[in-house]
Amino acid sequence: MNSPPTPPDREAVGPHFDLALMQHARERSWVALQGIRDRMHPGISESEARAEAEAVFGELGVERLWHPIVIRIGANTLKTFREASDPDIRLGENDLYFIDLGLVFEGHEGDVGDTFVVGHAPQQQACADAARELFGMVAEAWRNQSFSGQALYAFAEQRAQAMGWRLNHAIKGHRVSDFPHAVHRAGDLGTLEAAPSSGLWILEIQIAHPTEPYGAFYEDLLAI
């Protein structure tokens, strides 16, 4: 009788994996995100913003994308990664948007995301700030308490509720590695029963206002 196949190691990496290159990809991805932010302005559409992003990538020498450029504006900030945006939305004078990038530098994957406000929109700014703050609290729990991936997202839900925001449960983080990480089929961070190792997992936080049509997103590499 044949024994069942051994499940793949959820923290397996490829032969060229290097933690220093993971950090390099992370840093360059944040530079790219800032470059896109500098090109955002009231009236721009998401498709126009993606075209601006492509120009930034050319300037920075991005090797390739490992996931499509995601730029969400206004009410589209409630959408999850795989949901289609309303194509008619443009950035208002007092509005918010987020950028989600999956880029490859020197054969390693960077994945970063952040939310920004234009004009005077204090409630939207509070939402963007809360996503960053919540990310920081969850990352600190990982560093100091060795929480499992499952425990991290349970903690995130509790803290989001206490802060007055709604956590998007469909967003639960994922693996990165030397490209392509997908060959390892690691699943979501939020299903990991062990404490995630440094430099291998992306913590994603997406929250929404409990009643208004907007939300915020922040993601980065969990690293010591």
C-alpha atoms as a PDB file:
ATOM      1  CA  MET A   1       0.000   0.000   0.000  1.00  0.00           C
ATOM      2  CA  ASN A   2       1.458   3.332  -1.033  1.00  0.00           C
ATOM      3  CA  SER A   3       1.887   5.991   1.643  1.00  0.00           C
ATOM      4  CA  PRO A   4       0.271   9.396   1.044  1.00  0.00           C
ATOM      5  CA  PRO A   5       2.480  12.058  -0.548  1.00  0.00           C
ATOM      6  CA  THR A   6       4.363  14.322   1.798  1.00  0.00           C
ATOM      7  CA  PRO A   7       2.946  17.867   1.727  1.00  0.00           C
ATOM      8  CA  PRO A   8       5.386  20.486   0.405  1.00  0.00           C
ATOM      9  CA  ASP A   9       7.381  22.489   2.932  1.00  0.00           C
ATOM     10  CA  ARG A  10       5.486  25.763   3.287  1.00  0.00           C
ATOM     11  CA  GLU A  11       8.762  27.593   3.801  1.00  0.00           C
ATOM     12  CA  ALA A  12      10.675  25.913   0.982  1.00  0.00           C
ATOM     13  CA  VAL A  13      12.819  28.162  -1.194  1.00  0.00           C
ATOM     14  CA  GLY A  14      14.571  27.840  -4.527  1.00  0.00           C
ATOM     15  CA  PRO A  15      18.281  27.226  -5.129  1.00  0.00           C
ATOM     16  CA  HIS A  16      19.082  30.932  -5.542  1.00  0.00           C
ATOM     17  CA  PHE A  17      17.331  32.226  -2.427  1.00  0.00           C
ATOM     18  CA  ASP A  18      19.256  34.866  -0.483  1.00  0.00           C
ATOM     19  CA  LEU A  19      17.874  36.817   2.490  1.00  0.00           C
ATOM     20  CA  ALA A  20      19.970  39.852   1.568  1.00  0.00           C
ATOM     21  CA  LEU A  21      18.446  39.875  -1.918  1.00  0.00           C
ATOM     22  CA  MET A  22      14.977  39.575  -0.405  1.00  0.00           C
ATOM     23  CA  GLN A  23      15.687  42.727   1.591  1.00  0.00           C
ATOM     24  CA  HIS A  24      17.031  44.413  -1.551  1.00  0.00           C
ATOM     25  CA  ALA A  25      13.845  43.553  -3.457  1.00  0.00           C
ATOM     26  CA  ARG A  26      11.796  44.914  -0.571  1.00  0.00           C
ATOM     27  CA  GLU A  27      13.697  48.206  -0.491  1.00  0.00           C
ATOM     28  CA  ARG A  28      13.560  48.711  -4.267  1.00  0.00           C
ATOM     29  CA  SER A  29       9.844  47.917  -4.283  1.00  0.00           C
ATOM     30  CA  TRP A  30       9.230  50.685  -1.764  1.00  0.00           C
ATOM     31  CA  VAL A  31      11.195  53.074  -3.984  1.00  0.00           C
ATOM     32  CA  ALA A  32       8.958  52.085  -6.901  1.00  0.00           C
ATOM     33  CA  LEU A  33       5.816  52.610  -4.839  1.00  0.00           C
ATOM     34  CA  GLN A  34       6.971  56.092  -3.834  1.00  0.00           C
ATOM     35  CA  GLY A  35       7.708  56.872  -7.472  1.00  0.00           C
ATOM     36  CA  ILE A  36       4.121  56.021  -8.380  1.00  0.00           C
ATOM     37  CA  ARG A  37       2.797  58.056  -5.472  1.00  0.00           C
ATOM     38  CA  ASP A  38       4.687  61.073  -6.817  1.00  0.00           C
ATOM     39  CA  ARG A  39       2.754  60.753 -10.099  1.00  0.00           C
ATOM     40  CA  MET A  40      -0.728  60.501  -8.594  1.00  0.00           C
ATOM     41  CA  HIS A  41      -2.986  63.554  -8.876  1.00  0.00           C
ATOM     42  CA  PRO A  42      -6.696  64.413  -8.732  1.00  0.00           C
ATOM     43  CA  GLY A  43      -8.498  63.334 -11.888  1.00  0.00           C
ATOM     44  CA  ILE A  44      -6.266  60.347 -12.664  1.00  0.00           C
ATOM     45  CA  SER A  45      -7.922  56.992 -13.354  1.00  0.00           C
ATOM     46  CA  GLU A  46      -6.625  53.605 -12.243  1.00  0.00           C
ATOM     47  CA  SER A  47      -5.647  52.637 -15.787  1.00  0.00           C
ATOM     48  CA  GLU A  48      -3.753  55.902 -16.210  1.00  0.00           C
ATOM     49  CA  ALA A  49      -2.040  55.326 -12.868  1.00  0.00           C
ATOM     50  CA  ARG A  50      -0.938  51.850 -13.980  1.00  0.00           C
ATOM     51  CA  ALA A  51       0.597  53.384 -17.095  1.00  0.00           C
ATOM     52  CA  GLU A  52       2.520  55.793 -14.868  1.00  0.00           C
ATOM     53  CA  ALA A  53       3.648  52.809 -12.804  1.00  0.00           C
ATOM     54  CA  GLU A  54       5.072  51.119 -15.901  1.00  0.00           C
ATOM     55  CA  ALA A  55       7.135  54.232 -16.576  1.00  0.00           C
ATOM     56  CA  VAL A  56       8.488  54.144 -13.016  1.00  0.00           C
ATOM     57  CA  PHE A  57       9.423  50.480 -13.397  1.00  0.00           C
ATOM     58  CA  GLY A  58      11.376  51.255 -16.548  1.00  0.00           C
ATOM     59  CA  GLU A  59      13.360  53.931 -14.744  1.00  0.00           C
ATOM     60  CA  LEU A  60      14.173  51.580 -11.845  1.00  0.00           C
ATOM     61  CA  GLY A  61      15.110  48.517 -13.871  1.00  0.00           C
ATOM     62  CA  VAL A  62      12.355  46.241 -12.584  1.00  0.00           C
ATOM     63  CA  GLU A  63      13.015  42.773 -14.004  1.00  0.00           C
ATOM     64  CA  ARG A  64       9.398  41.704 -14.150  1.00  0.00           C
ATOM     65  CA  LEU A  65       6.107  41.746 -12.290  1.00  0.00           C
ATOM     66  CA  TRP A  66       5.095  38.638 -10.396  1.00  0.00           C
ATOM     67  CA  HIS A  67       1.571  39.932  -9.882  1.00  0.00           C
ATOM     68  CA  PRO A  68      -0.367  42.620 -11.770  1.00  0.00           C
ATOM     69  CA  ILE A  69      -0.151  46.266 -10.711  1.00  0.00           C
ATOM     70  CA  VAL A  70      -3.032  47.027  -8.345  1.00  0.00           C
ATOM     71  CA  ILE A  71      -4.047  50.654  -7.824  1.00  0.00           C
ATOM     72  CA  ARG A  72      -7.420  51.248  -6.182  1.00  0.00           C
ATOM     73  CA  ILE A  73      -9.101  54.643  -5.923  1.00  0.00           C
ATOM     74  CA  GLY A  74     -12.009  55.783  -3.746  1.00  0.00           C
ATOM     75  CA  ALA A  75     -14.725  53.159  -3.334  1.00  0.00           C
ATOM     76  CA  ASN A  76     -12.522  50.655  -5.169  1.00  0.00           C
ATOM     77  CA  THR A  77     -10.333  50.536  -2.039  1.00  0.00           C
ATOM     78  CA  LEU A  78     -12.938  48.112  -0.675  1.00  0.00           C
ATOM     79  CA  LYS A  79     -12.094  45.617  -3.428  1.00  0.00           C
ATOM     80  CA  THR A  80      -9.863  42.630  -2.756  1.00  0.00           C
ATOM     81  CA  PHE A  81      -6.943  41.652  -4.974  1.00  0.00           C
ATOM     82  CA  ARG A  82      -8.948  39.457  -7.354  1.00  0.00           C
ATOM     83  CA  GLU A  83     -12.014  41.673  -7.618  1.00  0.00           C
ATOM     84  CA  ALA A  84     -12.447  43.938 -10.634  1.00  0.00           C
ATOM     85  CA  SER A  85     -12.489  47.682 -10.044  1.00  0.00           C
ATOM     86  CA  ASP A  86     -15.274  49.995 -11.100  1.00  0.00           C
ATOM     87  CA  PRO A  87     -13.586  51.463 -14.203  1.00  0.00           C
ATOM     88  CA  ASP A  88     -15.336  54.846 -13.956  1.00  0.00           C
ATOM     89  CA  ILE A  89     -13.715  56.011 -10.723  1.00  0.00           C
ATOM     90  CA  ARG A  90     -11.130  58.796 -10.817  1.00  0.00           C
ATOM     91  CA  LEU A  91      -9.147  60.258  -7.940  1.00  0.00           C
ATOM     92  CA  GLY A  92     -11.067  63.138  -6.357  1.00  0.00           C
ATOM     93  CA  GLU A  93      -9.733  66.377  -4.937  1.00  0.00           C
ATOM     94  CA  ASN A  94     -10.163  65.021  -1.394  1.00  0.00           C
ATOM     95  CA  ASP A  95      -9.799  61.280  -1.728  1.00  0.00           C
ATOM     96  CA  LEU A  96      -7.707  58.201  -1.010  1.00  0.00           C
ATOM     97  CA  TYR A  97      -6.088  55.417  -3.014  1.00  0.00           C
ATOM     98  CA  PHE A  98      -3.778  52.476  -2.455  1.00  0.00           C
ATOM     99  CA  ILE A  99      -0.946  50.894  -4.411  1.00  0.00           C
ATOM    100  CA  ASP A 100      -0.077  47.167  -4.296  1.00  0.00           C
ATOM    101  CA  LEU A 101       3.078  46.046  -6.114  1.00  0.00           C
ATOM    102  CA  GLY A 102       4.618  42.632  -6.726  1.00  0.00           C
ATOM    103  CA  LEU A 103       8.007  43.195  -8.365  1.00  0.00           C
ATOM    104  CA  VAL A 104      11.140  41.143  -9.028  1.00  0.00           C
ATOM    105  CA  PHE A 105      14.648  42.500  -8.474  1.00  0.00           C
ATOM    106  CA  GLU A 106      17.709  40.270  -8.923  1.00  0.00           C
ATOM    107  CA  GLY A 107      15.514  37.204  -9.065  1.00  0.00           C
ATOM    108  CA  HIS A 108      13.771  37.900  -5.737  1.00  0.00           C
ATOM    109  CA  GLU A 109      10.226  39.011  -5.033  1.00  0.00           C
ATOM    110  CA  GLY A 110       9.213  42.253  -3.416  1.00  0.00           C
ATOM    111  CA  ASP A 111       5.611  42.862  -2.389  1.00  0.00           C
ATOM    112  CA  VAL A 112       4.608  46.172  -0.830  1.00  0.00           C
ATOM    113  CA  GLY A 113       1.430  48.186  -0.455  1.00  0.00           C
ATOM    114  CA  ASP A 114       0.299  51.418   1.173  1.00  0.00           C
ATOM    115  CA  THR A 115      -2.617  53.872   1.194  1.00  0.00           C
ATOM    116  CA  PHE A 116      -2.426  57.615   0.623  1.00  0.00           C
ATOM    117  CA  VAL A 117      -4.730  60.619   0.786  1.00  0.00           C
ATOM    118  CA  VAL A 118      -4.873  63.674  -1.478  1.00  0.00           C
ATOM    119  CA  GLY A 119      -6.376  67.005  -0.451  1.00  0.00           C
ATOM    120  CA  HIS A 120      -8.246  67.347   2.834  1.00  0.00           C
ATOM    121  CA  ALA A 121      -9.933  64.086   3.802  1.00  0.00           C
ATOM    122  CA  PRO A 122      -9.402  63.559   7.542  1.00  0.00           C
ATOM    123  CA  GLN A 123     -11.599  60.468   7.848  1.00  0.00           C
ATOM    124  CA  GLN A 124      -9.828  58.786   4.942  1.00  0.00           C
ATOM    125  CA  GLN A 125      -6.476  59.805   6.417  1.00  0.00           C
ATOM    126  CA  ALA A 126      -7.474  58.185   9.700  1.00  0.00           C
ATOM    127  CA  CYS A 127      -8.245  54.983   7.793  1.00  0.00           C
ATOM    128  CA  ALA A 128      -4.876  54.990   6.017  1.00  0.00           C
ATOM    129  CA  ASP A 129      -3.091  55.667   9.316  1.00  0.00           C
ATOM    130  CA  ALA A 130      -5.025  52.878  11.024  1.00  0.00           C
ATOM    131  CA  ALA A 131      -3.954  50.305   8.417  1.00  0.00           C
ATOM    132  CA  ARG A 132      -0.296  51.191   9.022  1.00  0.00           C
ATOM    133  CA  GLU A 133      -0.764  51.193  12.793  1.00  0.00           C
ATOM    134  CA  LEU A 134      -2.520  47.831  12.741  1.00  0.00           C
ATOM    135  CA  PHE A 135       0.232  46.360  10.574  1.00  0.00           C
ATOM    136  CA  GLY A 136       2.792  47.563  13.093  1.00  0.00           C
ATOM    137  CA  MET A 137       0.948  45.999  16.021  1.00  0.00           C
ATOM    138  CA  VAL A 138       0.597  42.642  14.253  1.00  0.00           C
ATOM    139  CA  ALA A 139       4.232  42.630  13.127  1.00  0.00           C
ATOM    140  CA  GLU A 140       5.326  43.432  16.685  1.00  0.00           C
ATOM    141  CA  ALA A 141       3.247  40.515  17.987  1.00  0.00           C
ATOM    142  CA  TRP A 142       5.055  38.250  15.519  1.00  0.00           C
ATOM    143  CA  ARG A 143       8.490  39.483  16.580  1.00  0.00           C
ATOM    144  CA  ASN A 144       7.897  39.484  20.321  1.00  0.00           C
ATOM    145  CA  GLN A 145       5.407  36.671  20.888  1.00  0.00           C
ATOM    146  CA  SER A 146       6.195  34.224  18.059  1.00  0.00           C
ATOM    147  CA  PHE A 147       2.543  34.070  16.998  1.00  0.00           C
ATOM    148  CA  SER A 148       1.555  31.587  14.321  1.00  0.00           C
ATOM    149  CA  GLY A 149       0.105  32.899  11.078  1.00  0.00           C
ATOM    150  CA  GLN A 150      -3.366  31.937  12.276  1.00  0.00           C
ATOM    151  CA  ALA A 151      -2.858  33.733  15.582  1.00  0.00           C
ATOM    152  CA  LEU A 152      -1.569  36.839  13.807  1.00  0.00           C
ATOM    153  CA  TYR A 153      -4.795  37.261  11.876  1.00  0.00           C
ATOM    154  CA  ALA A 154      -6.947  36.493  14.899  1.00  0.00           C
ATOM    155  CA  PHE A 155      -5.028  39.211  16.713  1.00  0.00           C
ATOM    156  CA  ALA A 156      -5.450  41.558  13.738  1.00  0.00           C
ATOM    157  CA  GLU A 157      -9.220  41.067  13.802  1.00  0.00           C
ATOM    158  CA  GLN A 158      -9.422  41.809  17.513  1.00  0.00           C
ATOM    159  CA  ARG A 159      -7.304  44.936  17.237  1.00  0.00           C
ATOM    160  CA  ALA A 160      -9.154  46.215  14.148  1.00  0.00           C
ATOM    161  CA  GLN A 161     -12.477  45.924  15.960  1.00  0.00           C
ATOM    162  CA  ALA A 162     -11.067  47.689  19.015  1.00  0.00           C
ATOM    163  CA  MET A 163      -9.847  50.506  16.758  1.00  0.00           C
ATOM    164  CA  GLY A 164     -13.270  50.862  15.134  1.00  0.00           C
ATOM    165  CA  TRP A 165     -12.478  49.352  11.732  1.00  0.00           C
ATOM    166  CA  ARG A 166     -13.570  46.242   9.887  1.00  0.00           C
ATOM    167  CA  LEU A 167     -10.841  43.765   8.906  1.00  0.00           C
ATOM    168  CA  ASN A 168     -11.201  42.227   5.451  1.00  0.00           C
ATOM    169  CA  HIS A 169     -11.045  38.491   6.169  1.00  0.00           C
ATOM    170  CA  ALA A 170     -10.374  37.568   2.543  1.00  0.00           C
ATOM    171  CA  ILE A 171      -6.868  39.049   2.790  1.00  0.00           C
ATOM    172  CA  LYS A 172      -4.550  36.790   4.794  1.00  0.00           C
ATOM    173  CA  GLY A 173      -0.982  37.291   3.556  1.00  0.00           C
ATOM    174  CA  HIS A 174       1.210  34.952   1.535  1.00  0.00           C
ATOM    175  CA  ARG A 175       4.706  33.667   0.757  1.00  0.00           C
ATOM    176  CA  VAL A 176       7.488  35.326  -1.203  1.00  0.00           C
ATOM    177  CA  SER A 177      10.871  33.950  -2.176  1.00  0.00           C
ATOM    178  CA  ASP A 178      13.270  33.783  -5.064  1.00  0.00           C
ATOM    179  CA  PHE A 179      11.047  33.882  -8.150  1.00  0.00           C
ATOM    180  CA  PRO A 180       8.714  32.069  -8.551  1.00  0.00           C
ATOM    181  CA  HIS A 181       7.577  31.352  -4.998  1.00  0.00           C
ATOM    182  CA  ALA A 182       4.322  29.865  -6.313  1.00  0.00           C
ATOM    183  CA  VAL A 183       6.002  26.545  -7.122  1.00  0.00           C
ATOM    184  CA  HIS A 184       6.025  25.795  -3.392  1.00  0.00           C
ATOM    185  CA  ARG A 185       2.232  26.180  -3.004  1.00  0.00           C
ATOM    186  CA  ALA A 186       2.633  27.564   0.471  1.00  0.00           C
ATOM    187  CA  GLY A 187      -0.895  28.878   0.971  1.00  0.00           C
ATOM    188  CA  ASP A 188      -1.909  31.913   2.994  1.00  0.00           C
ATOM    189  CA  LEU A 189      -0.051  33.253   6.005  1.00  0.00           C
ATOM    190  CA  GLY A 190      -3.378  33.285   7.835  1.00  0.00           C
ATOM    191  CA  THR A 191      -3.580  29.471   7.617  1.00  0.00           C
ATOM    192  CA  LEU A 192      -0.017  28.821   8.829  1.00  0.00           C
ATOM    193  CA  GLU A 193      -0.095  26.859  12.086  1.00  0.00           C
ATOM    194  CA  ALA A 194       3.516  27.693  12.966  1.00  0.00           C
ATOM    195  CA  ALA A 195       5.295  30.980  13.569  1.00  0.00           C
ATOM    196  CA  PRO A 196       6.407  32.366  10.186  1.00  0.00           C
ATOM    197  CA  SER A 197      10.130  32.693   9.578  1.00  0.00           C
ATOM    198  CA  SER A 198      11.749  36.031   8.829  1.00  0.00           C
ATOM    199  CA  GLY A 199      12.047  37.121   5.209  1.00  0.00           C
ATOM    200  CA  LEU A 200       9.552  34.680   3.707  1.00  0.00           C
ATOM    201  CA  TRP A 201       6.046  35.964   4.395  1.00  0.00           C
ATOM    202  CA  ILE A 202       4.060  39.033   3.447  1.00  0.00           C
ATOM    203  CA  LEU A 203       1.705  40.370   6.108  1.00  0.00           C
ATOM    204  CA  GLU A 204      -1.300  42.016   4.442  1.00  0.00           C
ATOM    205  CA  ILE A 205      -3.707  44.271   6.283  1.00  0.00           C
ATOM    206  CA  GLN A 206      -6.871  45.523   4.585  1.00  0.00           C
ATOM    207  CA  ILE A 207      -9.477  47.389   6.606  1.00  0.00           C
ATOM    208  CA  ALA A 208     -12.704  49.192   5.805  1.00  0.00           C
ATOM    209  CA  HIS A 209     -14.733  51.936   7.386  1.00  0.00           C
ATOM    210  CA  PRO A 210     -17.708  50.273   9.119  1.00  0.00           C
ATOM    211  CA  THR A 211     -20.272  52.357   7.217  1.00  0.00           C
ATOM    212  CA  GLU A 212     -18.572  54.526   4.575  1.00  0.00           C
ATOM    213  CA  PRO A 213     -17.461  53.263   1.119  1.00  0.00           C
ATOM    214  CA  TYR A 214     -13.698  53.272   1.513  1.00  0.00           C
ATOM    215  CA  GLY A 215     -10.910  51.279   3.073  1.00  0.00           C
ATOM    216  CA  ALA A 216      -7.133  51.089   3.373  1.00  0.00           C
ATOM    217  CA  PHE A 217      -4.390  48.573   2.649  1.00  0.00           C
ATOM    218  CA  TYR A 218      -0.865  48.066   3.911  1.00  0.00           C
ATOM    219  CA  GLU A 219       1.535  45.188   3.337  1.00  0.00           C
ATOM    220  CA  ASP A 220       5.221  44.468   3.794  1.00  0.00           C
ATOM    221  CA  LEU A 221       7.677  41.668   4.399  1.00  0.00           C
ATOM    222  CA  LEU A 222       7.791  40.209   7.897  1.00  0.00           C
ATOM    223  CA  ALA A 223      11.471  40.581   8.707  1.00  0.00           C
ATOM    224  CA  ILE A 224      13.531  40.905  11.871  1.00  0.00           C
END
